[in-house]
Amino acid sequence: YEAWIEKSMYGRKYMGIDRSTWLIDGEGVIRR
């Protein structure tokens, strides 16, 4: 879902989950 991204904290870079929300309709299509 492309929610694993590079982040940065206090100059240190690391990989983590992007806080993200996916709205999927009854046909399985991503709407928002």
ModelCIF file with pLDDT and N, C-alpha, C, O atoms, coordinates in Angstrom:
data_MODEL
#
_entry.id   MODEL 
#
_entity.id                         1 
_entity.type                       polymer 
_entity.pdbx_number_of_molecules   1 
#
_entity_poly.entity_id                      1 
_entity_poly.type                           'polypeptide(L)' 
_entity_poly.nstd_linkage                   no 
_entity_poly.nstd_monomer                   no 
_entity_poly.pdbx_seq_one_letter_code       YEAWIEKSMYGRKYMGIDRSTWLIDGEGVIRR 
_entity_poly.pdbx_seq_one_letter_code_can   YEAWIEKSMYGRKYMGIDRSTWLIDGEGVIRR 
_entity_poly.pdbx_strand_id                 A 
#
loop_
_entity_poly_seq.entity_id 
_entity_poly_seq.num 
_entity_poly_seq.mon_id 
_entity_poly_seq.hetero 
1 1  TYR n 
1 2  GLU n 
1 3  ALA n 
1 4  TRP n 
1 5  ILE n 
1 6  GLU n 
1 7  LYS n 
1 8  SER n 
1 9  MET n 
1 10 TYR n 
1 11 GLY n 
1 12 ARG n 
1 13 LYS n 
1 14 TYR n 
1 15 MET n 
1 16 GLY n 
1 17 ILE n 
1 18 ASP n 
1 19 ARG n 
1 20 SER n 
1 21 THR n 
1 22 TRP n 
1 23 LEU n 
1 24 ILE n 
1 25 ASP n 
1 26 GLY n 
1 27 GLU n 
1 28 GLY n 
1 29 VAL n 
1 30 ILE n 
1 31 ARG n 
1 32 ARG n 
#
_struct_asym.id          A 
_struct_asym.entity_id   1 
#
loop_
_ma_qa_metric.id 
_ma_qa_metric.mode 
_ma_qa_metric.name 
_ma_qa_metric.software_group_id 
_ma_qa_metric.type 
1 global pLDDT . pLDDT 
2 local  pLDDT . pLDDT 
#
_ma_qa_metric_global.metric_id      1 
_ma_qa_metric_global.metric_value   91.81 
_ma_qa_metric_global.model_id       1 
_ma_qa_metric_global.ordinal_id     1 
#
loop_
_ma_qa_metric_local.label_asym_id 
_ma_qa_metric_local.label_comp_id 
_ma_qa_metric_local.label_seq_id 
_ma_qa_metric_local.metric_id 
_ma_qa_metric_local.metric_value 
_ma_qa_metric_local.model_id 
_ma_qa_metric_local.ordinal_id 
A TYR 1  2 96.00 1 1  
A GLU 2  2 94.00 1 2  
A ALA 3  2 94.00 1 3  
A TRP 4  2 93.00 1 4  
A ILE 5  2 92.00 1 5  
A GLU 6  2 91.00 1 6  
A LYS 7  2 90.00 1 7  
A SER 8  2 87.00 1 8  
A MET 9  2 82.00 1 9  
A TYR 10 2 85.00 1 10 
A GLY 11 2 85.00 1 11 
A ARG 12 2 89.00 1 12 
A LYS 13 2 91.00 1 13 
A TYR 14 2 87.00 1 14 
A MET 15 2 93.00 1 15 
A GLY 16 2 93.00 1 16 
A ILE 17 2 95.00 1 17 
A ASP 18 2 94.00 1 18 
A ARG 19 2 96.00 1 19 
A SER 20 2 96.00 1 20 
A THR 21 2 97.00 1 21 
A TRP 22 2 96.00 1 22 
A LEU 23 2 94.00 1 23 
A ILE 24 2 94.00 1 24 
A ASP 25 2 91.00 1 25 
A GLY 26 2 90.00 1 26 
A GLU 27 2 91.00 1 27 
A GLY 28 2 92.00 1 28 
A VAL 29 2 93.00 1 29 
A ILE 30 2 93.00 1 30 
A ARG 31 2 92.00 1 31 
A ARG 32 2 92.00 1 32 
#
loop_
_atom_site.group_PDB 
_atom_site.id 
_atom_site.type_symbol 
_atom_site.label_atom_id 
_atom_site.label_alt_id 
_atom_site.label_comp_id 
_atom_site.label_asym_id 
_atom_site.label_entity_id 
_atom_site.label_seq_id 
_atom_site.pdbx_PDB_ins_code 
_atom_site.Cartn_x 
_atom_site.Cartn_y 
_atom_site.Cartn_z 
_atom_site.occupancy 
_atom_site.B_iso_or_equiv 
_atom_site.pdbx_formal_charge 
_atom_site.auth_seq_id 
_atom_site.auth_comp_id 
_atom_site.auth_asym_id 
_atom_site.auth_atom_id 
_atom_site.pdbx_PDB_model_num 
ATOM 1   N N  . TYR A 1 1  ? 0.823   -1.214 0.000  1.00 96.00 ? 1  TYR A N  1 
ATOM 2   C CA . TYR A 1 1  ? 0.000   0.000  0.000  1.00 96.00 ? 1  TYR A CA 1 
ATOM 3   C C  . TYR A 1 1  ? 0.862   1.272  0.000  1.00 96.00 ? 1  TYR A C  1 
ATOM 4   O O  . TYR A 1 1  ? 0.361   2.380  0.189  1.00 96.00 ? 1  TYR A O  1 
ATOM 5   N N  . GLU A 1 2  ? 2.155   1.083  -0.215 1.00 94.00 ? 2  GLU A N  1 
ATOM 6   C CA . GLU A 1 2  ? 3.096   2.197  -0.306 1.00 94.00 ? 2  GLU A CA 1 
ATOM 7   C C  . GLU A 1 2  ? 3.045   3.093  0.932  1.00 94.00 ? 2  GLU A C  1 
ATOM 8   O O  . GLU A 1 2  ? 3.183   4.313  0.845  1.00 94.00 ? 2  GLU A O  1 
ATOM 9   N N  . ALA A 1 3  ? 2.843   2.454  2.085  1.00 94.00 ? 3  ALA A N  1 
ATOM 10  C CA . ALA A 1 3  ? 2.778   3.185  3.351  1.00 94.00 ? 3  ALA A CA 1 
ATOM 11  C C  . ALA A 1 3  ? 4.053   2.991  4.176  1.00 94.00 ? 3  ALA A C  1 
ATOM 12  O O  . ALA A 1 3  ? 4.116   3.422  5.327  1.00 94.00 ? 3  ALA A O  1 
ATOM 13  N N  . TRP A 1 4  ? 5.060   2.351  3.599  1.00 93.00 ? 4  TRP A N  1 
ATOM 14  C CA . TRP A 1 4  ? 6.351   2.154  4.272  1.00 93.00 ? 4  TRP A CA 1 
ATOM 15  C C  . TRP A 1 4  ? 7.313   3.169  3.674  1.00 93.00 ? 4  TRP A C  1 
ATOM 16  O O  . TRP A 1 4  ? 7.774   3.007  2.545  1.00 93.00 ? 4  TRP A O  1 
ATOM 17  N N  . ILE A 1 5  ? 7.612   4.210  4.430  1.00 92.00 ? 5  ILE A N  1 
ATOM 18  C CA . ILE A 1 5  ? 8.351   5.336  3.869  1.00 92.00 ? 5  ILE A CA 1 
ATOM 19  C C  . ILE A 1 5  ? 9.561   5.704  4.726  1.00 92.00 ? 5  ILE A C  1 
ATOM 20  O O  . ILE A 1 5  ? 9.698   5.259  5.866  1.00 92.00 ? 5  ILE A O  1 
ATOM 21  N N  . GLU A 1 6  ? 10.424  6.524  4.151  1.00 91.00 ? 6  GLU A N  1 
ATOM 22  C CA . GLU A 1 6  ? 11.574  7.028  4.900  1.00 91.00 ? 6  GLU A CA 1 
ATOM 23  C C  . GLU A 1 6  ? 11.135  8.217  5.753  1.00 91.00 ? 6  GLU A C  1 
ATOM 24  O O  . GLU A 1 6  ? 10.463  9.131  5.275  1.00 91.00 ? 6  GLU A O  1 
ATOM 25  N N  . LYS A 1 7  ? 11.524  8.184  7.010  1.00 90.00 ? 7  LYS A N  1 
ATOM 26  C CA . LYS A 1 7  ? 11.191  9.267  7.927  1.00 90.00 ? 7  LYS A CA 1 
ATOM 27  C C  . LYS A 1 7  ? 12.480  9.854  8.502  1.00 90.00 ? 7  LYS A C  1 
ATOM 28  O O  . LYS A 1 7  ? 13.565  9.302  8.322  1.00 90.00 ? 7  LYS A O  1 
ATOM 29  N N  . SER A 1 8  ? 12.338  10.966 9.185  1.00 87.00 ? 8  SER A N  1 
ATOM 30  C CA . SER A 1 8  ? 13.497  11.617 9.782  1.00 87.00 ? 8  SER A CA 1 
ATOM 31  C C  . SER A 1 8  ? 13.132  12.180 11.146 1.00 87.00 ? 8  SER A C  1 
ATOM 32  O O  . SER A 1 8  ? 12.095  12.825 11.299 1.00 87.00 ? 8  SER A O  1 
ATOM 33  N N  . MET A 1 9  ? 13.975  11.938 12.126 1.00 82.00 ? 9  MET A N  1 
ATOM 34  C CA . MET A 1 9  ? 13.766  12.482 13.466 1.00 82.00 ? 9  MET A CA 1 
ATOM 35  C C  . MET A 1 9  ? 15.113  12.877 14.058 1.00 82.00 ? 9  MET A C  1 
ATOM 36  O O  . MET A 1 9  ? 16.030  12.061 14.158 1.00 82.00 ? 9  MET A O  1 
ATOM 37  N N  . TYR A 1 10 ? 15.213  14.132 14.443 1.00 85.00 ? 10 TYR A N  1 
ATOM 38  C CA . TYR A 1 10 ? 16.459  14.658 15.016 1.00 85.00 ? 10 TYR A CA 1 
ATOM 39  C C  . TYR A 1 10 ? 17.650  14.372 14.109 1.00 85.00 ? 10 TYR A C  1 
ATOM 40  O O  . TYR A 1 10 ? 18.746  14.065 14.577 1.00 85.00 ? 10 TYR A O  1 
ATOM 41  N N  . GLY A 1 11 ? 17.416  14.478 12.811 1.00 85.00 ? 11 GLY A N  1 
ATOM 42  C CA . GLY A 1 11 ? 18.497  14.276 11.848 1.00 85.00 ? 11 GLY A CA 1 
ATOM 43  C C  . GLY A 1 11 ? 18.760  12.835 11.492 1.00 85.00 ? 11 GLY A C  1 
ATOM 44  O O  . GLY A 1 11 ? 19.568  12.552 10.608 1.00 85.00 ? 11 GLY A O  1 
ATOM 45  N N  . ARG A 1 12 ? 18.090  11.916 12.168 1.00 89.00 ? 12 ARG A N  1 
ATOM 46  C CA . ARG A 1 12 ? 18.303  10.491 11.880 1.00 89.00 ? 12 ARG A CA 1 
ATOM 47  C C  . ARG A 1 12 ? 17.205  9.983  10.954 1.00 89.00 ? 12 ARG A C  1 
ATOM 48  O O  . ARG A 1 12 ? 16.020  10.176 11.228 1.00 89.00 ? 12 ARG A O  1 
ATOM 49  N N  . LYS A 1 13 ? 17.591  9.341  9.871  1.00 91.00 ? 13 LYS A N  1 
ATOM 50  C CA . LYS A 1 13 ? 16.623  8.811  8.926  1.00 91.00 ? 13 LYS A CA 1 
ATOM 51  C C  . LYS A 1 13 ? 16.361  7.332  9.198  1.00 91.00 ? 13 LYS A C  1 
ATOM 52  O O  . LYS A 1 13 ? 17.269  6.576  9.543  1.00 91.00 ? 13 LYS A O  1 
ATOM 53  N N  . TYR A 1 14 ? 15.121  6.946  9.037  1.00 87.00 ? 14 TYR A N  1 
ATOM 54  C CA . TYR A 1 14 ? 14.751  5.551  9.275  1.00 87.00 ? 14 TYR A CA 1 
ATOM 55  C C  . TYR A 1 14 ? 13.471  5.246  8.500  1.00 87.00 ? 14 TYR A C  1 
ATOM 56  O O  . TYR A 1 14 ? 12.800  6.164  8.029  1.00 87.00 ? 14 TYR A O  1 
ATOM 57  N N  . MET A 1 15 ? 13.133  3.979  8.365  1.00 93.00 ? 15 MET A N  1 
ATOM 58  C CA . MET A 1 15 ? 11.920  3.567  7.675  1.00 93.00 ? 15 MET A CA 1 
ATOM 59  C C  . MET A 1 15 ? 10.793  3.335  8.678  1.00 93.00 ? 15 MET A C  1 
ATOM 60  O O  . MET A 1 15 ? 11.011  2.794  9.762  1.00 93.00 ? 15 MET A O  1 
ATOM 61  N N  . GLY A 1 16 ? 9.607   3.746  8.308  1.00 93.00 ? 16 GLY A N  1 
ATOM 62  C CA . GLY A 1 16 ? 8.468   3.565  9.203  1.00 93.00 ? 16 GLY A CA 1 
ATOM 63  C C  . GLY A 1 16 ? 7.159   3.687  8.438  1.00 93.00 ? 16 GLY A C  1 
ATOM 64  O O  . GLY A 1 16 ? 7.146   3.963  7.238  1.00 93.00 ? 16 GLY A O  1 
ATOM 65  N N  . ILE A 1 17 ? 6.068   3.480  9.148  1.00 95.00 ? 17 ILE A N  1 
ATOM 66  C CA . ILE A 1 17 ? 4.736   3.526  8.525  1.00 95.00 ? 17 ILE A CA 1 
ATOM 67  C C  . ILE A 1 17 ? 4.252   4.963  8.394  1.00 95.00 ? 17 ILE A C  1 
ATOM 68  O O  . ILE A 1 17 ? 4.289   5.743  9.346  1.00 95.00 ? 17 ILE A O  1 
ATOM 69  N N  . ASP A 1 18 ? 3.800   5.288  7.195  1.00 94.00 ? 18 ASP A N  1 
ATOM 70  C CA . ASP A 1 18 ? 3.161   6.574  6.953  1.00 94.00 ? 18 ASP A CA 1 
ATOM 71  C C  . ASP A 1 18 ? 1.736   6.497  7.492  1.00 94.00 ? 18 ASP A C  1 
ATOM 72  O O  . ASP A 1 18 ? 0.956   5.639  7.077  1.00 94.00 ? 18 ASP A O  1 
ATOM 73  N N  . ARG A 1 19 ? 1.402   7.388  8.411  1.00 96.00 ? 19 ARG A N  1 
ATOM 74  C CA . ARG A 1 19 ? 0.027   7.397  8.918  1.00 96.00 ? 19 ARG A CA 1 
ATOM 75  C C  . ARG A 1 19 ? -0.889  7.778  7.752  1.00 96.00 ? 19 ARG A C  1 
ATOM 76  O O  . ARG A 1 19 ? -0.902  8.924  7.302  1.00 96.00 ? 19 ARG A O  1 
ATOM 77  N N  . SER A 1 20 ? -1.637  6.814  7.285  1.00 96.00 ? 20 SER A N  1 
ATOM 78  C CA . SER A 1 20 ? -2.447  7.039  6.088  1.00 96.00 ? 20 SER A CA 1 
ATOM 79  C C  . SER A 1 20 ? -3.759  6.264  6.180  1.00 96.00 ? 20 SER A C  1 
ATOM 80  O O  . SER A 1 20 ? -3.854  5.247  6.866  1.00 96.00 ? 20 SER A O  1 
ATOM 81  N N  . THR A 1 21 ? -4.751  6.763  5.481  1.00 97.00 ? 21 THR A N  1 
ATOM 82  C CA . THR A 1 21 ? -6.086  6.160  5.505  1.00 97.00 ? 21 THR A CA 1 
ATOM 83  C C  . THR A 1 21 ? -6.558  5.921  4.079  1.00 97.00 ? 21 THR A C  1 
ATOM 84  O O  . THR A 1 21 ? -6.392  6.761  3.194  1.00 97.00 ? 21 THR A O  1 
ATOM 85  N N  . TRP A 1 22 ? -7.144  4.762  3.887  1.00 96.00 ? 22 TRP A N  1 
ATOM 86  C CA . TRP A 1 22 ? -7.586  4.343  2.554  1.00 96.00 ? 22 TRP A CA 1 
ATOM 87  C C  . TRP A 1 22 ? -9.069  3.991  2.600  1.00 96.00 ? 22 TRP A C  1 
ATOM 88  O O  . TRP A 1 22 ? -9.486  3.122  3.366  1.00 96.00 ? 22 TRP A O  1 
ATOM 89  N N  . LEU A 1 23 ? -9.852  4.666  1.780  1.00 94.00 ? 23 LEU A N  1 
ATOM 90  C CA . LEU A 1 23 ? -11.282 4.409  1.712  1.00 94.00 ? 23 LEU A CA 1 
ATOM 91  C C  . LEU A 1 23 ? -11.531 3.539  0.481  1.00 94.00 ? 23 LEU A C  1 
ATOM 92  O O  . LEU A 1 23 ? -11.252 3.947  -0.646 1.00 94.00 ? 23 LEU A O  1 
ATOM 93  N N  . ILE A 1 24 ? -12.056 2.343  0.710  1.00 94.00 ? 24 ILE A N  1 
ATOM 94  C CA . ILE A 1 24 ? -12.247 1.355  -0.352 1.00 94.00 ? 24 ILE A CA 1 
ATOM 95  C C  . ILE A 1 24 ? -13.738 1.057  -0.488 1.00 94.00 ? 24 ILE A C  1 
ATOM 96  O O  . ILE A 1 24 ? -14.404 0.745  0.499  1.00 94.00 ? 24 ILE A O  1 
ATOM 97  N N  . ASP A 1 25 ? -14.254 1.153  -1.698 1.00 91.00 ? 25 ASP A N  1 
ATOM 98  C CA . ASP A 1 25 ? -15.694 0.950  -1.875 1.00 91.00 ? 25 ASP A CA 1 
ATOM 99  C C  . ASP A 1 25 ? -16.054 -0.532 -1.926 1.00 91.00 ? 25 ASP A C  1 
ATOM 100 O O  . ASP A 1 25 ? -15.186 -1.397 -1.809 1.00 91.00 ? 25 ASP A O  1 
ATOM 101 N N  . GLY A 1 26 ? -17.337 -0.812 -2.101 1.00 90.00 ? 26 GLY A N  1 
ATOM 102 C CA . GLY A 1 26 ? -17.823 -2.189 -2.076 1.00 90.00 ? 26 GLY A CA 1 
ATOM 103 C C  . GLY A 1 26 ? -17.328 -3.042 -3.224 1.00 90.00 ? 26 GLY A C  1 
ATOM 104 O O  . GLY A 1 26 ? -17.431 -4.268 -3.177 1.00 90.00 ? 26 GLY A O  1 
ATOM 105 N N  . GLU A 1 27 ? -16.787 -2.404 -4.264 1.00 91.00 ? 27 GLU A N  1 
ATOM 106 C CA . GLU A 1 27 ? -16.236 -3.145 -5.400 1.00 91.00 ? 27 GLU A CA 1 
ATOM 107 C C  . GLU A 1 27 ? -14.739 -3.367 -5.259 1.00 91.00 ? 27 GLU A C  1 
ATOM 108 O O  . GLU A 1 27 ? -14.101 -3.940 -6.143 1.00 91.00 ? 27 GLU A O  1 
ATOM 109 N N  . GLY A 1 28 ? -14.177 -2.906 -4.132 1.00 92.00 ? 28 GLY A N  1 
ATOM 110 C CA . GLY A 1 28 ? -12.750 -3.095 -3.919 1.00 92.00 ? 28 GLY A CA 1 
ATOM 111 C C  . GLY A 1 28 ? -11.879 -2.032 -4.567 1.00 92.00 ? 28 GLY A C  1 
ATOM 112 O O  . GLY A 1 28 ? -10.674 -2.223 -4.734 1.00 92.00 ? 28 GLY A O  1 
ATOM 113 N N  . VAL A 1 29 ? -12.496 -0.904 -4.933 1.00 93.00 ? 29 VAL A N  1 
ATOM 114 C CA . VAL A 1 29 ? -11.761 0.185  -5.584 1.00 93.00 ? 29 VAL A CA 1 
ATOM 115 C C  . VAL A 1 29 ? -11.444 1.285  -4.566 1.00 93.00 ? 29 VAL A C  1 
ATOM 116 O O  . VAL A 1 29 ? -12.295 1.653  -3.756 1.00 93.00 ? 29 VAL A O  1 
ATOM 117 N N  . ILE A 1 30 ? -10.231 1.797  -4.613 1.00 93.00 ? 30 ILE A N  1 
ATOM 118 C CA . ILE A 1 30 ? -9.816  2.859  -3.703 1.00 93.00 ? 30 ILE A CA 1 
ATOM 119 C C  . ILE A 1 30 ? -10.454 4.170  -4.150 1.00 93.00 ? 30 ILE A C  1 
ATOM 120 O O  . ILE A 1 30 ? -10.227 4.631  -5.269 1.00 93.00 ? 30 ILE A O  1 
ATOM 121 N N  . ARG A 1 31 ? -11.250 4.762  -3.272 1.00 92.00 ? 31 ARG A N  1 
ATOM 122 C CA . ARG A 1 31 ? -11.944 5.995  -3.613 1.00 92.00 ? 31 ARG A CA 1 
ATOM 123 C C  . ARG A 1 31 ? -11.272 7.237  -3.040 1.00 92.00 ? 31 ARG A C  1 
ATOM 124 O O  . ARG A 1 31 ? -11.293 8.298  -3.664 1.00 92.00 ? 31 ARG A O  1 
ATOM 125 N N  . ARG A 1 32 ? -10.682 7.113  -1.870 1.00 92.00 ? 32 ARG A N  1 
ATOM 126 C CA . ARG A 1 32 ? -9.980  8.252  -1.281 1.00 92.00 ? 32 ARG A CA 1 
ATOM 127 C C  . ARG A 1 32 ? -8.733  7.767  -0.555 1.00 92.00 ? 32 ARG A C  1 
ATOM 128 O O  . ARG A 1 32 ? -7.996  8.574  0.013  1.00 92.00 ? 32 ARG A O  1 
#
